[in-house]
Amino acid sequence: MTTGQTSPAEWRQFNDPVSGARITQLTSYKCHSHHLYFTNRGWYAGGKKLLIGSDRGNHTNLYGVDLLDGSLTQLTDLPDLIRKPTLLDTSKNPVREEAYLWANRMLLAVNLQTYAVRELYRAPDGFTTSMTNATADGRFVMSALVEDLSHRFRVNMDHGYIGFQEYWEAHPLSRVIRVSVDTGQADVMWEERSWIGHINTSPTQPHLLTFCHEGPWHLVDNRIWALDMTTGQAWKVRPTAENEQVGHEYWFKDGLHIGYHGRRGDQTIYGSIRYDNTEQVEAPFPVKHSWHFSSNALDLIVGDSNAEEPYLLLWRFNAGRFEGPRLLAYHRGSFHVQIVHVHPAFSPDGRQVLYTADPDGYGQVHLVDVPDFESLPAPKE
């Protein structure tokens, strides 16, 4: 395939053997395909299409899946550009049909209608790149630059988190950058000697974003940070005590509240908090194993469990406590490398959950319909 070429639908539908929920497997090509990272919603064309990454033709490129007829359109042609093994960090502009991705150290803008590609910005030598996220007004794409320390120790974050502890210990120089999507003008909005990752922009407040201090959750000074780009002020969100750890933060659909999970002593917790550290809601969370959680609000949470108990799970927040979990789908994901992490995410309307799993050996992209919570079975003890 070449840019703009469309191939026939690969999808198939079936009912989950445990819950009975209807699952649509969007891809079936014999290669790894994956949706974007769970904080980067990939729906576009008014919700009728979905951005995915796929390794077809021995090259990683961005594709668009038509959710009405299942056809796939190749959106980029990056065989000589992209060295990163994934397009998980890609993001969609909320007000224009454009996506942003890193290819080597070039920040590219991809027109999702004409497939034209523009180079917006080139990262300086000596830095690696991180998650992209566009601001709520669509004017800027945000990302992070982190000092490249691969000459000092072995690094392979996408395949086994190799170098994870060493990077945290090294306190690399990190920068949060803001790049104009019209001019490519880049400005450093925050800089410090801590390993910064997970740049997440508020979906409704153009001046707000969160970033994290990467590293082992029980060792970092504070995981979740907010940044006001109008004042340049950064602050801790949900400050943690000595016996606490939280992370995998994400914005709720309202763009004001942030969801997270973690532990307090031996107890698993889940909660939300307004970006200014008010309106905190937190409760014990009845879960044995799960790595990633997502939601549009606090009312219904989806988690991915893990390779030992490979189910999509739902929890409902009701009267100040979490009910569940209930079994949504038997995903059988291996979690072997980043692109086959399940990374569940609700559709904007909350009616489906998007996930990637590799039960047949290759990572494939799925959508599962969300039935009524009461109709779903509980896990067996």
Protein backbone atom coordinates (compact mmCIF):
# COMPACT_ATOMS: atom_id res chain seq x y z
CA MET A 1 0.00 0.00 0.00
CA THR A 2 0.98 3.61 -0.50
CA THR A 3 -0.27 6.83 1.05
CA GLY A 4 -3.96 7.33 0.38
CA GLN A 5 -4.52 3.77 -0.77
CA THR A 6 -7.50 2.01 0.77
CA SER A 7 -7.72 -1.71 1.42
CA PRO A 8 -10.84 -3.81 2.09
CA ALA A 9 -12.23 -4.41 5.55
CA GLU A 10 -10.52 -7.00 7.72
CA TRP A 11 -12.99 -6.89 10.55
CA ARG A 12 -14.95 -9.66 12.12
CA GLN A 13 -17.56 -9.66 14.86
CA PHE A 14 -18.16 -12.18 17.59
CA ASN A 15 -19.64 -12.39 21.06
CA ASP A 16 -17.31 -12.65 24.02
CA PRO A 17 -17.42 -16.21 25.40
CA VAL A 18 -17.64 -15.02 29.02
CA SER A 19 -19.80 -11.87 29.02
CA GLY A 20 -21.66 -12.18 25.73
CA ALA A 21 -20.65 -8.62 24.79
CA ARG A 22 -20.25 -7.99 21.07
CA ILE A 23 -16.65 -7.48 19.95
CA THR A 24 -15.55 -6.04 16.62
CA GLN A 25 -11.98 -6.95 15.71
CA LEU A 26 -10.98 -4.15 13.34
CA THR A 27 -7.70 -5.60 12.03
CA SER A 28 -6.54 -9.11 11.16
CA TYR A 29 -3.47 -8.57 8.96
CA LYS A 30 -0.51 -10.78 9.92
CA CYS A 31 1.47 -8.04 11.62
CA HIS A 32 1.16 -5.98 14.77
CA SER A 33 -1.49 -3.27 14.73
CA HIS A 34 -2.36 -1.08 17.72
CA HIS A 35 -4.50 1.87 18.71
CA LEU A 36 -2.98 5.04 20.12
CA TYR A 37 -2.02 5.31 23.78
CA PHE A 38 -5.12 5.33 25.97
CA THR A 39 -4.79 9.04 26.81
CA ASN A 40 -4.67 9.93 23.09
CA ARG A 41 -8.09 9.38 21.60
CA GLY A 42 -7.75 8.48 17.92
CA TRP A 43 -11.31 9.02 16.68
CA TYR A 44 -11.66 11.47 13.80
CA ALA A 45 -14.00 12.42 10.93
CA GLY A 46 -16.77 13.08 13.42
CA GLY A 47 -16.19 9.76 15.18
CA LYS A 48 -16.60 7.76 11.97
CA LYS A 49 -12.90 6.83 11.67
CA LEU A 50 -10.11 5.70 13.99
CA LEU A 51 -6.34 6.22 13.88
CA ILE A 52 -4.16 3.15 14.38
CA GLY A 53 -0.51 2.21 13.88
CA SER A 54 0.34 -0.88 11.85
CA ASP A 55 3.52 -2.64 10.70
CA ARG A 56 2.43 -3.61 7.18
CA GLY A 57 5.06 -4.00 4.47
CA ASN A 58 7.78 -4.21 7.13
CA HIS A 59 7.31 -0.51 7.95
CA THR A 60 5.35 1.21 10.73
CA ASN A 61 2.77 3.68 9.44
CA LEU A 62 -0.38 5.46 10.48
CA TYR A 63 -3.68 4.13 9.13
CA GLY A 64 -7.29 5.22 9.35
CA VAL A 65 -10.03 2.63 9.92
CA ASP A 66 -13.46 3.52 8.59
CA LEU A 67 -15.85 2.43 11.33
CA LEU A 68 -18.79 2.33 8.90
CA ASP A 69 -17.41 -0.13 6.35
CA GLY A 70 -14.18 -1.40 7.97
CA SER A 71 -11.86 -0.28 5.17
CA LEU A 72 -8.33 0.88 6.03
CA THR A 73 -6.51 3.84 4.47
CA GLN A 74 -2.75 4.32 4.73
CA LEU A 75 -2.14 7.87 5.99
CA THR A 76 1.67 8.04 6.03
CA ASP A 77 4.62 6.58 4.17
CA LEU A 78 7.49 6.60 6.66
CA PRO A 79 9.80 3.70 5.71
CA ASP A 80 12.99 5.75 5.78
CA LEU A 81 11.99 8.08 8.59
CA ILE A 82 10.63 6.23 11.54
CA ARG A 83 12.95 4.33 13.83
CA LYS A 84 10.68 4.18 16.84
CA PRO A 85 8.87 0.82 16.89
CA THR A 86 5.50 2.37 17.66
CA LEU A 87 3.13 5.21 16.88
CA LEU A 88 1.53 5.07 20.33
CA ASP A 89 2.61 8.68 20.94
CA THR A 90 0.57 10.01 18.01
CA SER A 91 -2.24 12.47 18.78
CA LYS A 92 -5.19 14.04 16.98
CA ASN A 93 -5.92 17.76 16.80
CA PRO A 94 -9.37 18.30 18.41
CA VAL A 95 -10.47 21.05 15.98
CA ARG A 96 -8.88 20.12 12.66
CA GLU A 97 -8.33 16.90 10.74
CA GLU A 98 -4.65 16.61 11.53
CA ALA A 99 -2.50 14.21 13.55
CA TYR A 100 0.97 14.67 15.07
CA LEU A 101 3.77 12.18 15.42
CA TRP A 102 7.51 11.95 15.88
CA ALA A 103 9.60 10.39 13.09
CA ASN A 104 13.19 10.21 14.27
CA ARG A 105 13.46 13.69 15.82
CA MET A 106 11.05 15.38 13.40
CA LEU A 107 7.63 16.43 14.65
CA LEU A 108 5.28 15.86 11.72
CA ALA A 109 1.73 17.07 11.04
CA VAL A 110 -0.34 14.66 8.92
CA ASN A 111 -3.42 15.96 7.11
CA LEU A 112 -6.01 13.21 7.55
CA GLN A 113 -7.95 14.26 4.45
CA THR A 114 -5.22 15.00 1.87
CA TYR A 115 -2.44 12.87 3.51
CA ALA A 116 -0.01 15.77 3.13
CA VAL A 117 2.80 15.75 5.70
CA ARG A 118 4.42 18.88 7.14
CA GLU A 119 7.52 19.05 9.30
CA LEU A 120 6.66 21.33 12.20
CA TYR A 121 9.77 21.11 14.33
CA ARG A 122 13.04 19.23 14.71
CA ALA A 123 14.24 18.23 18.17
CA PRO A 124 17.78 19.30 19.02
CA ASP A 125 20.66 16.84 19.10
CA GLY A 126 21.11 15.04 22.38
CA PHE A 127 17.39 14.69 23.20
CA THR A 128 14.80 11.96 22.82
CA THR A 129 11.11 12.68 22.23
CA SER A 130 7.92 11.78 24.05
CA MET A 131 4.12 11.83 23.90
CA THR A 132 2.37 14.38 21.69
CA ASN A 133 -0.92 16.03 22.67
CA ALA A 134 -2.67 18.97 21.03
CA THR A 135 -4.17 21.77 23.11
CA ALA A 136 -7.96 22.02 23.40
CA ASP A 137 -8.08 25.00 21.01
CA GLY A 138 -6.02 23.11 18.41
CA ARG A 139 -3.38 25.85 18.17
CA PHE A 140 -0.42 23.97 19.62
CA VAL A 141 0.99 20.48 19.92
CA MET A 142 2.70 19.72 23.21
CA SER A 143 5.47 17.22 23.85
CA ALA A 144 8.54 16.59 25.98
CA LEU A 145 12.22 16.44 25.18
CA VAL A 146 14.40 14.33 27.45
CA GLU A 147 18.18 14.22 27.53
CA ASP A 148 19.40 11.17 25.59
CA LEU A 149 21.42 9.00 27.95
CA SER A 150 21.66 5.90 25.76
CA HIS A 151 25.43 6.40 25.51
CA ARG A 152 25.68 5.88 29.28
CA PHE A 153 23.58 2.73 29.72
CA ARG A 154 21.38 0.40 27.70
CA VAL A 155 17.91 1.82 26.97
CA ASN A 156 14.87 0.11 25.42
CA MET A 157 11.70 1.39 27.06
CA ASP A 158 9.28 -0.08 24.52
CA HIS A 159 10.60 -3.62 24.95
CA GLY A 160 10.97 -4.43 28.61
CA TYR A 161 11.53 -1.00 30.20
CA ILE A 162 15.27 -1.52 29.93
CA GLY A 163 17.03 1.45 31.53
CA PHE A 164 13.94 2.56 33.47
CA GLN A 165 15.59 2.66 36.90
CA GLU A 166 18.82 4.13 35.51
CA TYR A 167 16.98 6.96 33.74
CA TRP A 168 15.16 7.95 36.91
CA GLU A 169 18.37 7.90 38.93
CA ALA A 170 20.20 10.05 36.36
CA HIS A 171 17.80 13.05 36.60
CA PRO A 172 18.00 13.87 32.88
CA LEU A 173 17.38 17.39 31.64
CA SER A 174 13.76 17.49 30.45
CA ARG A 175 11.72 20.14 28.67
CA VAL A 176 8.01 20.56 28.03
CA ILE A 177 7.70 22.18 24.62
CA ARG A 178 4.85 23.94 22.85
CA VAL A 179 4.89 23.99 19.04
CA SER A 180 2.55 26.11 16.93
CA VAL A 181 0.67 23.93 14.44
CA ASP A 182 0.60 26.85 11.98
CA THR A 183 4.13 28.24 12.16
CA GLY A 184 6.23 25.57 13.87
CA GLN A 185 7.40 28.12 16.42
CA ALA A 186 8.59 26.17 19.46
CA ASP A 187 8.79 27.44 23.02
CA VAL A 188 10.01 25.76 26.18
CA MET A 189 7.20 25.95 28.72
CA TRP A 190 8.92 24.05 31.55
CA GLU A 191 12.41 22.70 32.17
CA GLU A 192 13.94 20.73 35.03
CA ARG A 193 16.33 17.93 35.87
CA SER A 194 13.75 15.21 36.39
CA TRP A 195 12.65 12.61 33.88
CA ILE A 196 9.42 14.03 32.40
CA GLY A 197 6.88 11.98 30.46
CA HIS A 198 3.19 11.55 29.69
CA ILE A 199 2.30 15.01 28.40
CA ASN A 200 -1.51 15.16 28.63
CA THR A 201 -3.42 18.27 27.60
CA SER A 202 -6.81 19.10 29.08
CA PRO A 203 -9.52 18.38 26.47
CA THR A 204 -11.38 21.59 27.37
CA GLN A 205 -8.83 24.04 28.89
CA PRO A 206 -6.23 25.16 26.30
CA HIS A 207 -3.81 26.50 28.93
CA LEU A 208 -3.64 23.36 31.09
CA LEU A 209 -1.72 20.12 30.85
CA THR A 210 -0.36 17.44 33.12
CA PHE A 211 3.02 15.76 32.96
CA CYS A 212 4.60 13.16 35.17
CA HIS A 213 7.90 12.54 36.88
CA GLU A 214 8.78 9.17 35.41
CA GLY A 215 10.40 6.43 37.44
CA PRO A 216 9.39 3.81 39.99
CA TRP A 217 6.16 5.07 41.54
CA HIS A 218 7.33 4.34 45.07
CA LEU A 219 10.53 6.33 44.54
CA VAL A 220 9.58 9.44 42.53
CA ASP A 221 9.13 12.67 44.50
CA ASN A 222 5.63 13.10 43.04
CA ARG A 223 4.16 11.44 39.98
CA ILE A 224 1.44 13.84 38.76
CA TRP A 225 2.16 17.50 37.96
CA ALA A 226 0.04 20.22 36.34
CA LEU A 227 1.28 23.15 34.28
CA ASP A 228 -0.54 26.41 33.57
CA MET A 229 0.95 27.73 30.34
CA THR A 230 -0.40 31.24 30.89
CA THR A 231 1.55 31.70 34.11
CA GLY A 232 4.36 29.17 33.70
CA GLN A 233 3.48 27.74 37.11
CA ALA A 234 3.73 23.98 37.77
CA TRP A 235 2.44 22.20 40.86
CA LYS A 236 1.98 18.76 42.36
CA VAL A 237 -1.38 17.10 41.76
CA ARG A 238 -2.59 14.64 44.38
CA PRO A 239 0.61 14.97 46.50
CA THR A 240 1.58 11.59 47.92
CA ALA A 241 2.58 10.66 51.44
CA GLU A 242 5.44 8.31 52.23
CA ASN A 243 3.29 5.17 52.13
CA GLU A 244 1.36 6.17 48.98
CA GLN A 245 1.89 5.90 45.25
CA VAL A 246 -0.38 6.99 42.39
CA GLY A 247 -0.08 7.21 38.63
CA HIS A 248 -1.42 6.43 35.14
CA GLU A 249 -3.15 9.80 35.38
CA TYR A 250 -5.55 10.92 32.67
CA TRP A 251 -8.05 13.72 32.11
CA PHE A 252 -11.76 13.13 32.40
CA LYS A 253 -13.88 14.25 29.47
CA ASP A 254 -14.73 17.51 31.29
CA GLY A 255 -11.08 18.60 31.11
CA LEU A 256 -11.13 19.66 34.75
CA HIS A 257 -10.75 16.44 36.70
CA ILE A 258 -7.95 13.88 36.59
CA GLY A 259 -8.34 10.16 37.22
CA TYR A 260 -5.62 8.00 38.74
CA HIS A 261 -5.01 4.75 40.59
CA GLY A 262 -2.42 3.59 43.08
CA ARG A 263 -1.83 2.19 46.51
CA ARG A 264 -1.99 3.36 50.10
CA GLY A 265 -0.01 0.85 52.12
CA ASP A 266 -1.40 -2.54 51.11
CA GLN A 267 -4.68 -1.12 49.81
CA THR A 268 -5.43 -0.41 46.14
CA ILE A 269 -7.13 2.96 45.62
CA TYR A 270 -8.77 4.77 42.74
CA GLY A 271 -9.78 8.37 42.62
CA SER A 272 -10.20 11.66 40.85
CA ILE A 273 -9.18 15.19 41.67
CA ARG A 274 -9.66 18.59 40.10
CA TYR A 275 -6.48 19.98 38.57
CA ASP A 276 -6.20 22.56 41.38
CA ASN A 277 -6.24 19.82 44.06
CA THR A 278 -9.86 20.41 45.08
CA GLU A 279 -12.89 18.09 44.81
CA GLN A 280 -10.87 14.96 45.54
CA VAL A 281 -12.83 11.71 45.53
CA GLU A 282 -11.01 8.53 46.47
CA ALA A 283 -12.05 5.07 47.58
CA PRO A 284 -10.66 1.55 48.02
CA PHE A 285 -10.64 -0.31 44.73
CA PRO A 286 -11.54 -4.02 44.64
CA VAL A 287 -9.00 -5.32 42.15
CA LYS A 288 -6.28 -7.97 42.24
CA HIS A 289 -4.30 -7.20 39.11
CA SER A 290 -4.64 -4.46 36.51
CA TRP A 291 -2.06 -2.22 34.87
CA HIS A 292 -4.03 0.47 33.07
CA PHE A 293 -7.39 2.09 33.80
CA SER A 294 -9.45 4.60 31.87
CA SER A 295 -12.81 6.36 31.96
CA ASN A 296 -14.69 9.37 30.68
CA ALA A 297 -15.67 10.28 34.25
CA LEU A 298 -15.65 8.61 37.65
CA ASP A 299 -18.91 6.72 37.12
CA LEU A 300 -17.56 3.78 35.08
CA ILE A 301 -13.94 2.60 35.00
CA VAL A 302 -12.35 0.04 32.66
CA GLY A 303 -9.17 -1.87 33.51
CA ASP A 304 -7.08 -4.33 31.53
CA SER A 305 -6.20 -6.89 34.22
CA ASN A 306 -2.97 -8.63 33.11
CA ALA A 307 -1.60 -11.64 31.28
CA GLU A 308 -2.35 -13.93 34.25
CA GLU A 309 -6.01 -12.90 34.37
CA PRO A 310 -6.54 -11.51 30.85
CA TYR A 311 -9.93 -9.82 31.11
CA LEU A 312 -11.29 -6.34 30.49
CA LEU A 313 -12.97 -5.38 33.75
CA LEU A 314 -15.54 -2.72 34.64
CA TRP A 315 -16.13 -0.97 37.97
CA ARG A 316 -19.02 1.33 38.80
CA PHE A 317 -18.78 4.18 41.30
CA ASN A 318 -21.96 4.34 43.33
CA ALA A 319 -22.77 6.03 46.64
CA GLY A 320 -19.14 6.73 47.47
CA ARG A 321 -17.73 3.28 46.72
CA PHE A 322 -16.70 1.14 43.76
CA GLU A 323 -18.86 -1.81 42.75
CA GLY A 324 -17.40 -4.69 40.78
CA PRO A 325 -15.41 -5.72 38.99
CA ARG A 326 -17.57 -7.18 36.24
CA LEU A 327 -16.17 -9.08 33.26
CA LEU A 328 -16.48 -7.23 29.95
CA ALA A 329 -14.23 -9.24 27.62
CA TYR A 330 -11.67 -12.02 27.63
CA HIS A 331 -8.87 -10.22 25.79
CA ARG A 332 -6.03 -12.75 26.27
CA GLY A 333 -3.41 -10.03 25.71
CA SER A 334 0.21 -10.93 26.44
CA PHE A 335 1.51 -7.45 27.43
CA HIS A 336 4.82 -8.63 25.97
CA VAL A 337 5.86 -5.24 24.55
CA GLN A 338 4.30 -1.76 24.58
CA ILE A 339 2.39 -2.07 21.30
CA VAL A 340 0.48 -5.10 22.59
CA HIS A 341 -0.35 -3.60 25.97
CA VAL A 342 -4.14 -3.64 26.11
CA HIS A 343 -4.48 0.08 27.01
CA PRO A 344 -8.31 0.15 27.15
CA ALA A 345 -10.10 3.44 26.44
CA PHE A 346 -13.77 4.35 26.25
CA SER A 347 -15.17 5.80 23.05
CA PRO A 348 -16.22 9.46 23.40
CA ASP A 349 -19.87 8.41 23.83
CA GLY A 350 -18.96 5.70 26.36
CA ARG A 351 -20.73 2.97 24.40
CA GLN A 352 -17.61 1.02 23.45
CA VAL A 353 -14.15 0.23 24.79
CA LEU A 354 -11.18 0.29 22.43
CA TYR A 355 -8.28 -2.07 23.11
CA THR A 356 -5.38 -3.95 21.53
CA ALA A 357 -4.67 -7.62 22.20
CA ASP A 358 -2.69 -10.46 20.65
CA PRO A 359 -4.57 -13.71 21.44
CA ASP A 360 -3.58 -15.17 18.06
CA GLY A 361 0.05 -13.94 18.15
CA TYR A 362 -0.26 -10.56 16.44
CA GLY A 363 -1.53 -7.40 18.08
CA GLN A 364 -4.94 -6.49 16.68
CA VAL A 365 -7.30 -3.59 17.38
CA HIS A 366 -10.72 -4.29 18.91
CA LEU A 367 -13.89 -2.47 19.94
CA VAL A 368 -16.21 -4.07 22.49
CA ASP A 369 -19.75 -2.84 23.10
CA VAL A 370 -20.48 -1.94 26.73
CA PRO A 371 -23.67 -3.66 27.98
CA ASP A 372 -25.57 -2.68 31.08
CA PHE A 373 -23.29 -3.10 34.10
CA GLU A 374 -25.77 -5.33 35.95
CA SER A 375 -25.91 -7.75 33.04
CA LEU A 376 -22.19 -8.56 33.18
CA PRO A 377 -20.85 -11.52 35.16
CA ALA A 378 -18.61 -11.14 38.17
CA PRO A 379 -15.23 -12.92 38.23
CA LYS A 380 -15.18 -16.32 39.84
CA GLU A 381 -13.48 -16.45 43.22
